[in-house]
Amino acid sequence: MAKLLHIHTATTTACFFLLLLVRLAAAGGGEEEESDEGEPLRCITSWDCTSVQACKQECSRYSRSYGSCVTSEPPHKVCLCTYDCPCPPPSP
């Protein structure tokens, strides 16, 4: 039973993580670069975080960013940060 509970918890955590990534990718907007559909392209990065405040502060260094500190398995906090992707260098 404990093994089944652990698998369920891991699956729930993975689903939550994927839903959060989708939410972060859809958050905000920008004008630097656009996708084929005319929507701004968003980048996502992650790092270890100690608190929600630290995550938001670090993420605010990026253009039009949104950060969220989530707990994953085993108890480990990860900051997920979405922001406007930087413009690629001009083509020669």
PDB file of N, CA and C in Angstrom:
ATOM      1  N   MET A   1       0.824  -1.195   0.000  1.00  0.00           N
ATOM      2  CA  MET A   1       0.000   0.000   0.000  1.00  0.00           C
ATOM      3  C   MET A   1       0.865   1.254   0.000  1.00  0.00           C
ATOM      4  N   ALA A   2       1.968   1.246   0.762  1.00  0.00           N
ATOM      5  CA  ALA A   2       2.842   2.418   0.825  1.00  0.00           C
ATOM      6  C   ALA A   2       3.464   2.698  -0.540  1.00  0.00           C
ATOM      7  N   LYS A   3       3.834   1.629  -1.267  1.00  0.00           N
ATOM      8  CA  LYS A   3       4.426   1.804  -2.592  1.00  0.00           C
ATOM      9  C   LYS A   3       3.407   2.401  -3.555  1.00  0.00           C
ATOM     10  N   LEU A   4       2.174   1.944  -3.487  1.00  0.00           N
ATOM     11  CA  LEU A   4       1.111   2.470  -4.327  1.00  0.00           C
ATOM     12  C   LEU A   4       0.881   3.943  -4.022  1.00  0.00           C
ATOM     13  N   LEU A   5       0.877   4.317  -2.765  1.00  0.00           N
ATOM     14  CA  LEU A   5       0.684   5.706  -2.360  1.00  0.00           C
ATOM     15  C   LEU A   5       1.825   6.566  -2.892  1.00  0.00           C
ATOM     16  N   HIS A   6       3.057   6.059  -2.821  1.00  0.00           N
ATOM     17  CA  HIS A   6       4.216   6.805  -3.311  1.00  0.00           C
ATOM     18  C   HIS A   6       4.115   7.035  -4.820  1.00  0.00           C
ATOM     19  N   ILE A   7       3.686   6.013  -5.574  1.00  0.00           N
ATOM     20  CA  ILE A   7       3.529   6.148  -7.025  1.00  0.00           C
ATOM     21  C   ILE A   7       2.456   7.177  -7.335  1.00  0.00           C
ATOM     22  N   HIS A   8       1.334   7.123  -6.601  1.00  0.00           N
ATOM     23  CA  HIS A   8       0.249   8.082  -6.808  1.00  0.00           C
ATOM     24  C   HIS A   8       0.735   9.493  -6.507  1.00  0.00           C
ATOM     25  N   THR A   9       1.477   9.677  -5.422  1.00  0.00           N
ATOM     26  CA  THR A   9       1.990  10.991  -5.051  1.00  0.00           C
ATOM     27  C   THR A   9       2.950  11.503  -6.118  1.00  0.00           C
ATOM     28  N   ALA A  10       3.823  10.639  -6.607  1.00  0.00           N
ATOM     29  CA  ALA A  10       4.776  11.042  -7.646  1.00  0.00           C
ATOM     30  C   ALA A  10       4.045  11.430  -8.927  1.00  0.00           C
ATOM     31  N   THR A  11       2.998  10.665  -9.283  1.00  0.00           N
ATOM     32  CA  THR A  11       2.222  10.969 -10.480  1.00  0.00           C
ATOM     33  C   THR A  11       1.486  12.288 -10.318  1.00  0.00           C
ATOM     34  N   THR A  12       0.896  12.512  -9.155  1.00  0.00           N
ATOM     35  CA  THR A  12       0.195  13.760  -8.883  1.00  0.00           C
ATOM     36  C   THR A  12       1.156  14.930  -8.954  1.00  0.00           C
ATOM     37  N   THR A  13       2.343  14.778  -8.375  1.00  0.00           N
ATOM     38  CA  THR A  13       3.343  15.839  -8.405  1.00  0.00           C
ATOM     39  C   THR A  13       3.776  16.125  -9.839  1.00  0.00           C
ATOM     40  N   ALA A  14       3.987  15.089 -10.645  1.00  0.00           N
ATOM     41  CA  ALA A  14       4.391  15.273 -12.039  1.00  0.00           C
ATOM     42  C   ALA A  14       3.304  15.993 -12.831  1.00  0.00           C
ATOM     43  N   CYS A  15       2.043  15.628 -12.615  1.00  0.00           N
ATOM     44  CA  CYS A  15       0.931  16.287 -13.306  1.00  0.00           C
ATOM     45  C   CYS A  15       0.848  17.757 -12.910  1.00  0.00           C
ATOM     46  N   PHE A  16       0.997  18.031 -11.619  1.00  0.00           N
ATOM     47  CA  PHE A  16       0.973  19.408 -11.137  1.00  0.00           C
ATOM     48  C   PHE A  16       2.098  20.209 -11.775  1.00  0.00           C
ATOM     49  N   PHE A  17       3.285  19.612 -11.833  1.00  0.00           N
ATOM     50  CA  PHE A  17       4.458  20.269 -12.406  1.00  0.00           C
ATOM     51  C   PHE A  17       4.208  20.620 -13.875  1.00  0.00           C
ATOM     52  N   LEU A  18       3.644  19.684 -14.652  1.00  0.00           N
ATOM     53  CA  LEU A  18       3.364  19.936 -16.062  1.00  0.00           C
ATOM     54  C   LEU A  18       2.299  21.010 -16.240  1.00  0.00           C
ATOM     55  N   LEU A  19       1.256  20.975 -15.419  1.00  0.00           N
ATOM     56  CA  LEU A  19       0.224  22.005 -15.495  1.00  0.00           C
ATOM     57  C   LEU A  19       0.796  23.376 -15.166  1.00  0.00           C
ATOM     58  N   LEU A  20       1.682  23.430 -14.180  1.00  0.00           N
ATOM     59  CA  LEU A  20       2.304  24.693 -13.819  1.00  0.00           C
ATOM     60  C   LEU A  20       3.180  25.214 -14.958  1.00  0.00           C
ATOM     61  N   LEU A  21       3.907  24.323 -15.629  1.00  0.00           N
ATOM     62  CA  LEU A  21       4.721  24.745 -16.775  1.00  0.00           C
ATOM     63  C   LEU A  21       3.852  25.347 -17.873  1.00  0.00           C
ATOM     64  N   VAL A  22       2.709  24.725 -18.149  1.00  0.00           N
ATOM     65  CA  VAL A  22       1.797  25.243 -19.164  1.00  0.00           C
ATOM     66  C   VAL A  22       1.282  26.610 -18.743  1.00  0.00           C
ATOM     67  N   ARG A  23       0.915  26.750 -17.469  1.00  0.00           N
ATOM     68  CA  ARG A  23       0.423  28.033 -16.964  1.00  0.00           C
ATOM     69  C   ARG A  23       1.498  29.104 -17.064  1.00  0.00           C
ATOM     70  N   LEU A  24       2.721  28.758 -16.678  1.00  0.00           N
ATOM     71  CA  LEU A  24       3.809  29.722 -16.741  1.00  0.00           C
ATOM     72  C   LEU A  24       4.110  30.128 -18.178  1.00  0.00           C
ATOM     73  N   ALA A  25       4.056  29.179 -19.092  1.00  0.00           N
ATOM     74  CA  ALA A  25       4.337  29.488 -20.493  1.00  0.00           C
ATOM     75  C   ALA A  25       3.286  30.425 -21.078  1.00  0.00           C
ATOM     76  N   ALA A  26       2.057  30.332 -20.589  1.00  0.00           N
ATOM     77  CA  ALA A  26       0.980  31.172 -21.095  1.00  0.00           C
ATOM     78  C   ALA A  26       0.919  32.530 -20.408  1.00  0.00           C
ATOM     79  N   ALA A  27       1.584  32.690 -19.276  1.00  0.00           N
ATOM     80  CA  ALA A  27       1.511  33.932 -18.500  1.00  0.00           C
ATOM     81  C   ALA A  27       2.242  35.062 -19.200  1.00  0.00           C
ATOM     82  N   GLY A  28       1.684  36.253 -19.086  1.00  0.00           N
ATOM     83  CA  GLY A  28       2.381  37.448 -19.569  1.00  0.00           C
ATOM     84  C   GLY A  28       2.447  37.528 -21.078  1.00  0.00           C
ATOM     85  N   GLY A  29       3.086  38.583 -21.523  1.00  0.00           N
ATOM     86  CA  GLY A  29       3.261  38.780 -22.951  1.00  0.00           C
ATOM     87  C   GLY A  29       4.448  39.674 -23.212  1.00  0.00           C
ATOM     88  N   GLY A  30       4.845  39.780 -24.436  1.00  0.00           N
ATOM     89  CA  GLY A  30       5.995  40.603 -24.769  1.00  0.00           C
ATOM     90  C   GLY A  30       5.977  40.995 -26.228  1.00  0.00           C
ATOM     91  N   GLU A  31       6.911  41.848 -26.603  1.00  0.00           N
ATOM     92  CA  GLU A  31       6.966  42.319 -27.967  1.00  0.00           C
ATOM     93  C   GLU A  31       8.297  42.017 -28.636  1.00  0.00           C
ATOM     94  N   GLU A  32       9.257  41.466 -27.914  1.00  0.00           N
ATOM     95  CA  GLU A  32      10.583  41.276 -28.474  1.00  0.00           C
ATOM     96  C   GLU A  32      10.597  40.294 -29.640  1.00  0.00           C
ATOM     97  N   GLU A  33       9.939  39.187 -29.509  1.00  0.00           N
ATOM     98  CA  GLU A  33       9.970  38.147 -30.534  1.00  0.00           C
ATOM     99  C   GLU A  33       8.594  37.500 -30.564  1.00  0.00           C
ATOM    100  N   GLU A  34       8.128  37.140 -31.755  1.00  0.00           N
ATOM    101  CA  GLU A  34       6.811  36.545 -31.865  1.00  0.00           C
ATOM    102  C   GLU A  34       6.884  35.180 -32.521  1.00  0.00           C
ATOM    103  N   SER A  35       5.933  34.318 -32.134  1.00  0.00           N
ATOM    104  CA  SER A  35       5.838  32.994 -32.734  1.00  0.00           C
ATOM    105  C   SER A  35       5.156  33.116 -34.094  1.00  0.00           C
ATOM    106  N   ASP A  36       4.980  31.990 -34.774  1.00  0.00           N
ATOM    107  CA  ASP A  36       4.311  31.989 -36.074  1.00  0.00           C
ATOM    108  C   ASP A  36       2.883  32.511 -35.974  1.00  0.00           C
ATOM    109  N   GLU A  37       2.259  32.351 -34.812  1.00  0.00           N
ATOM    110  CA  GLU A  37       0.877  32.782 -34.629  1.00  0.00           C
ATOM    111  C   GLU A  37       0.795  34.237 -34.184  1.00  0.00           C
ATOM    112  N   GLY A  38       1.922  34.948 -34.084  1.00  0.00           N
ATOM    113  CA  GLY A  38       1.914  36.335 -33.650  1.00  0.00           C
ATOM    114  C   GLY A  38       1.995  36.507 -32.147  1.00  0.00           C
ATOM    115  N   GLU A  39       2.026  35.420 -31.407  1.00  0.00           N
ATOM    116  CA  GLU A  39       2.140  35.485 -29.953  1.00  0.00           C
ATOM    117  C   GLU A  39       3.609  35.611 -29.563  1.00  0.00           C
ATOM    118  N   PRO A  40       3.904  36.359 -28.489  1.00  0.00           N
ATOM    119  CA  PRO A  40       5.299  36.462 -28.042  1.00  0.00           C
ATOM    120  C   PRO A  40       5.829  35.113 -27.566  1.00  0.00           C
ATOM    121  N   LEU A  41       7.091  34.842 -27.854  1.00  0.00           N
ATOM    122  CA  LEU A  41       7.714  33.603 -27.393  1.00  0.00           C
ATOM    123  C   LEU A  41       8.123  33.757 -25.936  1.00  0.00           C
ATOM    124  N   ARG A  42       7.911  32.702 -25.162  1.00  0.00           N
ATOM    125  CA  ARG A  42       8.253  32.714 -23.745  1.00  0.00           C
ATOM    126  C   ARG A  42       9.296  31.641 -23.491  1.00  0.00           C
ATOM    127  N   CYS A  43      10.229  31.935 -22.605  1.00  0.00           N
ATOM    128  CA  CYS A  43      11.235  30.969 -22.181  1.00  0.00           C
ATOM    129  C   CYS A  43      10.928  30.552 -20.750  1.00  0.00           C
ATOM    130  N   ILE A  44      11.330  29.352 -20.371  1.00  0.00           N
ATOM    131  CA  ILE A  44      11.160  28.866 -19.003  1.00  0.00           C
ATOM    132  C   ILE A  44      12.509  28.366 -18.512  1.00  0.00           C
ATOM    133  N   THR A  45      12.857  28.754 -17.303  1.00  0.00           N
ATOM    134  CA  THR A  45      14.071  28.262 -16.674  1.00  0.00           C
ATOM    135  C   THR A  45      13.746  27.886 -15.236  1.00  0.00           C
ATOM    136  N   SER A  46      14.615  27.126 -14.606  1.00  0.00           N
ATOM    137  CA  SER A  46      14.368  26.714 -13.221  1.00  0.00           C
ATOM    138  C   SER A  46      15.672  26.641 -12.453  1.00  0.00           C
ATOM    139  N   TRP A  47      15.557  26.740 -11.129  1.00  0.00           N
ATOM    140  CA  TRP A  47      16.695  26.614 -10.230  1.00  0.00           C
ATOM    141  C   TRP A  47      16.176  26.291  -8.838  1.00  0.00           C
ATOM    142  N   ASP A  48      17.065  25.880  -7.946  1.00  0.00           N
ATOM    143  CA  ASP A  48      16.677  25.606  -6.563  1.00  0.00           C
ATOM    144  C   ASP A  48      16.267  26.914  -5.900  1.00  0.00           C
ATOM    145  N   CYS A  49      15.233  26.870  -5.069  1.00  0.00           N
ATOM    146  CA  CYS A  49      14.839  28.084  -4.349  1.00  0.00           C
ATOM    147  C   CYS A  49      14.618  27.766  -2.875  1.00  0.00           C
ATOM    148  N   THR A  50      14.761  28.792  -2.065  1.00  0.00           N
ATOM    149  CA  THR A  50      14.578  28.632  -0.624  1.00  0.00           C
ATOM    150  C   THR A  50      13.219  29.135  -0.170  1.00  0.00           C
ATOM    151  N   SER A  51      12.626  30.070  -0.930  1.00  0.00           N
ATOM    152  CA  SER A  51      11.325  30.617  -0.555  1.00  0.00           C
ATOM    153  C   SER A  51      10.636  31.213  -1.781  1.00  0.00           C
ATOM    154  N   VAL A  52       9.344  31.467  -1.645  1.00  0.00           N
ATOM    155  CA  VAL A  52       8.574  32.073  -2.723  1.00  0.00           C
ATOM    156  C   VAL A  52       9.113  33.470  -3.023  1.00  0.00           C
ATOM    157  N   GLN A  53       9.408  34.230  -1.961  1.00  0.00           N
ATOM    158  CA  GLN A  53       9.909  35.591  -2.141  1.00  0.00           C
ATOM    159  C   GLN A  53      11.241  35.599  -2.893  1.00  0.00           C
ATOM    160  N   ALA A  54      12.151  34.691  -2.530  1.00  0.00           N
ATOM    161  CA  ALA A  54      13.452  34.610  -3.201  1.00  0.00           C
ATOM    162  C   ALA A  54      13.273  34.250  -4.676  1.00  0.00           C
ATOM    163  N   CYS A  55      12.353  33.346  -4.960  1.00  0.00           N
ATOM    164  CA  CYS A  55      12.083  32.935  -6.337  1.00  0.00           C
ATOM    165  C   CYS A  55      11.585  34.124  -7.152  1.00  0.00           C
ATOM    166  N   LYS A  56      10.589  34.840  -6.628  1.00  0.00           N
ATOM    167  CA  LYS A  56      10.027  35.982  -7.348  1.00  0.00           C
ATOM    168  C   LYS A  56      11.067  37.078  -7.548  1.00  0.00           C
ATOM    169  N   GLN A  57      11.910  37.297  -6.539  1.00  0.00           N
ATOM    170  CA  GLN A  57      12.940  38.327  -6.642  1.00  0.00           C
ATOM    171  C   GLN A  57      13.970  37.963  -7.715  1.00  0.00           C
ATOM    172  N   GLU A  58      14.441  36.716  -7.707  1.00  0.00           N
ATOM    173  CA  GLU A  58      15.414  36.281  -8.711  1.00  0.00           C
ATOM    174  C   GLU A  58      14.804  36.314 -10.116  1.00  0.00           C
ATOM    175  N   CYS A  59      13.561  35.880 -10.227  1.00  0.00           N
ATOM    176  CA  CYS A  59      12.892  35.824 -11.527  1.00  0.00           C
ATOM    177  C   CYS A  59      12.635  37.232 -12.081  1.00  0.00           C
ATOM    178  N   SER A  60      12.465  38.213 -11.200  1.00  0.00           N
ATOM    179  CA  SER A  60      12.173  39.579 -11.647  1.00  0.00           C
ATOM    180  C   SER A  60      13.327  40.199 -12.427  1.00  0.00           C
ATOM    181  N   ARG A  61      14.471  39.566 -12.443  1.00  0.00           N
ATOM    182  CA  ARG A  61      15.612  40.065 -13.221  1.00  0.00           C
ATOM    183  C   ARG A  61      15.393  39.880 -14.727  1.00  0.00           C
ATOM    184  N   TYR A  62      14.450  39.013 -15.085  1.00  0.00           N
ATOM    185  CA  TYR A  62      14.155  38.759 -16.490  1.00  0.00           C
ATOM    186  C   TYR A  62      13.029  39.679 -16.969  1.00  0.00           C
ATOM    187  N   SER A  63      12.980  39.932 -18.274  1.00  0.00           N
ATOM    188  CA  SER A  63      11.963  40.787 -18.873  1.00  0.00           C
ATOM    189  C   SER A  63      10.575  40.144 -18.800  1.00  0.00           C
ATOM    190  N   ARG A  64       9.618  40.878 -18.263  1.00  0.00           N
ATOM    191  CA  ARG A  64       8.216  40.433 -18.150  1.00  0.00           C
ATOM    192  C   ARG A  64       8.128  39.004 -17.630  1.00  0.00           C
ATOM    193  N   SER A  65       8.632  38.826 -16.436  1.00  0.00           N
ATOM    194  CA  SER A  65       8.755  37.479 -15.869  1.00  0.00           C
ATOM    195  C   SER A  65       7.656  37.154 -14.870  1.00  0.00           C
ATOM    196  N   TYR A  66       7.483  35.841 -14.638  1.00  0.00           N
ATOM    197  CA  TYR A  66       6.587  35.325 -13.607  1.00  0.00           C
ATOM    198  C   TYR A  66       7.269  34.109 -12.997  1.00  0.00           C
ATOM    199  N   GLY A  67       7.454  34.123 -11.673  1.00  0.00           N
ATOM    200  CA  GLY A  67       8.119  33.014 -10.997  1.00  0.00           C
ATOM    201  C   GLY A  67       7.231  32.353  -9.967  1.00  0.00           C
ATOM    202  N   SER A  68       7.406  31.059  -9.805  1.00  0.00           N
ATOM    203  CA  SER A  68       6.653  30.291  -8.819  1.00  0.00           C
ATOM    204  C   SER A  68       7.563  29.223  -8.219  1.00  0.00           C
ATOM    205  N   CYS A  69       7.569  29.138  -6.893  1.00  0.00           N
ATOM    206  CA  CYS A  69       8.388  28.158  -6.177  1.00  0.00           C
ATOM    207  C   CYS A  69       7.500  26.949  -5.865  1.00  0.00           C
ATOM    208  N   VAL A  70       7.871  25.785  -6.389  1.00  0.00           N
ATOM    209  CA  VAL A  70       7.069  24.576  -6.189  1.00  0.00           C
ATOM    210  C   VAL A  70       7.886  23.506  -5.479  1.00  0.00           C
ATOM    211  N   THR A  71       7.205  22.633  -4.778  1.00  0.00           N
ATOM    212  CA  THR A  71       7.853  21.530  -4.078  1.00  0.00           C
ATOM    213  C   THR A  71       7.689  20.270  -4.910  1.00  0.00           C
ATOM    214  N   SER A  72       8.777  19.537  -5.093  1.00  0.00           N
ATOM    215  CA  SER A  72       8.730  18.297  -5.859  1.00  0.00           C
ATOM    216  C   SER A  72       9.211  17.143  -4.995  1.00  0.00           C
ATOM    217  N   GLU A  73       9.256  15.947  -5.553  1.00  0.00           N
ATOM    218  CA  GLU A  73       9.694  14.744  -4.837  1.00  0.00           C
ATOM    219  C   GLU A  73      11.190  14.566  -4.949  1.00  0.00           C
ATOM    220  N   PRO A  74      11.906  14.124  -3.961  1.00  0.00           N
ATOM    221  CA  PRO A  74      11.569  14.227  -2.540  1.00  0.00           C
ATOM    222  C   PRO A  74      11.472  15.694  -2.170  1.00  0.00           C
ATOM    223  N   PRO A  75      11.024  16.029  -0.969  1.00  0.00           N
ATOM    224  CA  PRO A  75      10.818  17.446  -0.648  1.00  0.00           C
ATOM    225  C   PRO A  75      11.996  18.304  -1.119  1.00  0.00           C
ATOM    226  N   HIS A  76      11.765  18.986  -2.217  1.00  0.00           N
ATOM    227  CA  HIS A  76      12.792  19.801  -2.861  1.00  0.00           C
ATOM    228  C   HIS A  76      12.077  20.974  -3.515  1.00  0.00           C
ATOM    229  N   LYS A  77      12.524  22.203  -3.261  1.00  0.00           N
ATOM    230  CA  LYS A  77      11.874  23.378  -3.834  1.00  0.00           C
ATOM    231  C   LYS A  77      12.582  23.811  -5.109  1.00  0.00           C
ATOM    232  N   VAL A  78      11.779  24.036  -6.135  1.00  0.00           N
ATOM    233  CA  VAL A  78      12.286  24.457  -7.434  1.00  0.00           C
ATOM    234  C   VAL A  78      11.570  25.737  -7.840  1.00  0.00           C
ATOM    235  N   CYS A  79      12.337  26.725  -8.291  1.00  0.00           N
ATOM    236  CA  CYS A  79      11.752  27.955  -8.807  1.00  0.00           C
ATOM    237  C   CYS A  79      11.580  27.793 -10.309  1.00  0.00           C
ATOM    238  N   LEU A  80      10.351  27.939 -10.787  1.00  0.00           N
ATOM    239  CA  LEU A  80      10.072  27.923 -12.221  1.00  0.00           C
ATOM    240  C   LEU A  80       9.815  29.361 -12.639  1.00  0.00           C
ATOM    241  N   CYS A  81      10.555  29.829 -13.617  1.00  0.00           N
ATOM    242  CA  CYS A  81      10.467  31.221 -14.043  1.00  0.00           C
ATOM    243  C   CYS A  81      10.214  31.280 -15.541  1.00  0.00           C
ATOM    244  N   THR A  82       9.155  31.976 -15.939  1.00  0.00           N
ATOM    245  CA  THR A  82       8.881  32.194 -17.354  1.00  0.00           C
ATOM    246  C   THR A  82       9.105  33.668 -17.657  1.00  0.00           C
ATOM    247  N   TYR A  83       9.622  33.944 -18.846  1.00  0.00           N
ATOM    248  CA  TYR A  83       9.956  35.321 -19.209  1.00  0.00           C
ATOM    249  C   TYR A  83       9.989  35.450 -20.728  1.00  0.00           C
ATOM    250  N   ASP A  84      10.017  36.693 -21.210  1.00  0.00           N
ATOM    251  CA  ASP A  84      10.134  36.923 -22.643  1.00  0.00           C
ATOM    252  C   ASP A  84      11.492  36.434 -23.112  1.00  0.00           C
ATOM    253  N   CYS A  85      11.488  35.610 -24.148  1.00  0.00           N
ATOM    254  CA  CYS A  85      12.760  35.132 -24.700  1.00  0.00           C
ATOM    255  C   CYS A  85      13.527  36.309 -25.292  1.00  0.00           C
ATOM    256  N   PRO A  86      14.844  36.321 -25.107  1.00  0.00           N
ATOM    257  CA  PRO A  86      15.619  37.396 -25.726  1.00  0.00           C
ATOM    258  C   PRO A  86      15.587  37.269 -27.247  1.00  0.00           C
ATOM    259  N   CYS A  87      15.699  38.389 -27.907  1.00  0.00           N
ATOM    260  CA  CYS A  87      15.715  38.384 -29.373  1.00  0.00           C
ATOM    261  C   CYS A  87      16.971  37.698 -29.874  1.00  0.00           C
ATOM    262  N   PRO A  88      16.842  36.915 -30.918  1.00  0.00           N
ATOM    263  CA  PRO A  88      18.048  36.296 -31.493  1.00  0.00           C
ATOM    264  C   PRO A  88      18.886  37.370 -32.187  1.00  0.00           C
ATOM    265  N   PRO A  89      20.173  37.139 -32.338  1.00  0.00           N
ATOM    266  CA  PRO A  89      20.996  38.123 -33.049  1.00  0.00           C
ATOM    267  C   PRO A  89      20.554  38.229 -34.505  1.00  0.00           C
ATOM    268  N   PRO A  90      20.701  39.403 -35.110  1.00  0.00           N
ATOM    269  CA  PRO A  90      20.280  39.555 -36.509  1.00  0.00           C
ATOM    270  C   PRO A  90      21.066  38.628 -37.433  1.00  0.00           C
ATOM    271  N   SER A  91      20.420  38.179 -38.478  1.00  0.00           N
ATOM    272  CA  SER A  91      21.081  37.311 -39.468  1.00  0.00           C
ATOM    273  C   SER A  91      22.063  38.140 -40.287  1.00  0.00           C
ATOM    274  N   PRO A  92      23.207  37.535 -40.651  1.00  0.00           N
ATOM    275  CA  PRO A  92      24.178  38.292 -41.471  1.00  0.00           C
ATOM    276  C   PRO A  92      23.684  38.510 -42.884  1.00  0.00           C
TER     277      PRO A  92
END
